[in-house]
Amino acid sequence: MNTSPENAPELTKEQTRWAGAAAALFLTAIGLLGYAFASGVLLPFAAGWVVLQMFGYVGALRFAHGDLAHPLFKSQVMLHTIAFLLLIGLLTRGD
């Protein structure tokens, strides 16, 4: 099986947007994990969120046959967006 970049199909604009959103959320989770390791705060959440994203995105892409604009993949991105917004709410209300 030849998996070189020359044989990869072109992504649509919608697929590129959803892939970018997923990548941004994943990088945010990695950044939070680094902060959690350095400070010791929210370490179980940060580690679990990274693992959930990895399994969620891979599983969704497997069921969607690699389509980044499939509703299952979109729901994974939205699920992690909600988790991120809840985290922000938790941190801002943590008086």
Protein backbone atom coordinates (compact mmCIF):
# COMPACT_ATOMS: atom_id res chain seq x y z
CA MET A 1 0.00 0.00 0.00
CA ASN A 2 1.43 3.33 -1.08
CA THR A 3 0.70 6.03 1.50
CA SER A 4 2.82 8.82 0.07
CA PRO A 5 1.50 12.41 0.25
CA GLU A 6 1.22 12.55 -3.55
CA ASN A 7 -1.60 9.98 -3.46
CA ALA A 8 -3.57 11.71 -0.69
CA PRO A 9 -6.90 13.23 -1.74
CA GLU A 10 -7.43 16.97 -1.54
CA LEU A 11 -9.35 18.16 1.52
CA THR A 12 -12.40 20.32 1.13
CA LYS A 13 -12.64 23.64 2.97
CA GLU A 14 -15.09 22.10 5.46
CA GLN A 15 -12.75 19.18 6.18
CA THR A 16 -9.85 21.58 6.65
CA ARG A 17 -11.85 23.69 9.14
CA TRP A 18 -12.87 20.68 11.24
CA ALA A 19 -9.35 19.26 11.16
CA GLY A 20 -7.98 22.64 12.28
CA ALA A 21 -10.49 22.86 15.12
CA ALA A 22 -9.59 19.34 16.27
CA ALA A 23 -5.88 20.14 16.08
CA ALA A 24 -6.33 23.37 18.05
CA LEU A 25 -8.24 21.54 20.78
CA PHE A 26 -5.65 18.77 20.90
CA LEU A 27 -2.79 21.25 21.18
CA THR A 28 -4.69 23.06 23.94
CA ALA A 29 -5.03 19.76 25.80
CA ILE A 30 -1.30 19.08 25.39
CA GLY A 31 -0.54 22.57 26.71
CA LEU A 32 -2.82 22.00 29.69
CA LEU A 33 -1.09 18.68 30.32
CA GLY A 34 2.28 20.43 30.36
CA TYR A 35 0.96 23.04 32.78
CA ALA A 36 -0.56 20.31 34.95
CA PHE A 37 2.74 18.43 35.14
CA ALA A 38 4.59 21.62 36.07
CA SER A 39 2.13 22.79 38.72
CA GLY A 40 0.44 19.59 39.85
CA VAL A 41 -3.01 21.16 39.37
CA LEU A 42 -5.72 19.30 37.39
CA LEU A 43 -3.31 16.51 36.47
CA PRO A 44 -5.92 13.70 36.25
CA PHE A 45 -8.22 15.85 34.10
CA ALA A 46 -5.42 16.96 31.79
CA ALA A 47 -4.10 13.44 31.23
CA GLY A 48 -7.59 12.02 30.77
CA TRP A 49 -8.58 14.73 28.31
CA VAL A 50 -5.59 14.01 26.06
CA VAL A 51 -6.32 10.27 26.11
CA LEU A 52 -10.03 10.83 25.43
CA GLN A 53 -9.22 13.05 22.48
CA MET A 54 -6.83 10.52 20.98
CA PHE A 55 -9.27 7.63 21.25
CA GLY A 56 -12.26 9.79 20.29
CA TYR A 57 -10.74 11.28 17.14
CA VAL A 58 -9.20 8.01 15.96
CA GLY A 59 -12.41 6.08 16.60
CA ALA A 60 -14.56 8.70 14.90
CA LEU A 61 -12.28 8.80 11.86
CA ARG A 62 -12.28 5.02 11.67
CA PHE A 63 -16.09 4.86 11.63
CA ALA A 64 -16.28 7.84 9.26
CA HIS A 65 -13.81 6.19 6.84
CA GLY A 66 -11.42 9.14 7.11
CA ASP A 67 -13.98 11.85 6.32
CA LEU A 68 -13.12 14.88 8.47
CA ALA A 69 -16.51 16.46 7.70
CA HIS A 70 -18.52 13.42 8.86
CA PRO A 71 -21.10 14.18 11.57
CA LEU A 72 -19.45 11.72 13.95
CA PHE A 73 -16.11 13.52 13.74
CA LYS A 74 -17.86 16.89 14.06
CA SER A 75 -19.59 15.67 17.21
CA GLN A 76 -16.22 14.68 18.70
CA VAL A 77 -14.86 18.16 18.01
CA MET A 78 -17.94 19.78 19.53
CA LEU A 79 -17.77 17.46 22.56
CA HIS A 80 -14.20 18.54 23.28
CA THR A 81 -15.13 22.18 22.62
CA ILE A 82 -17.78 21.89 25.33
CA ALA A 83 -15.25 20.26 27.68
CA PHE A 84 -12.86 23.15 27.03
CA LEU A 85 -15.56 25.75 27.68
CA LEU A 86 -16.53 23.99 30.91
CA LEU A 87 -12.86 24.03 31.95
CA ILE A 88 -12.67 27.75 31.27
CA GLY A 89 -15.85 28.26 33.28
CA LEU A 90 -14.43 26.22 36.13
CA LEU A 91 -11.20 28.19 36.19
CA THR A 92 -12.87 31.59 35.98
CA ARG A 93 -15.41 30.78 38.73
CA GLY A 94 -12.79 29.22 41.02
CA ASP A 95 -12.75 32.06 43.54
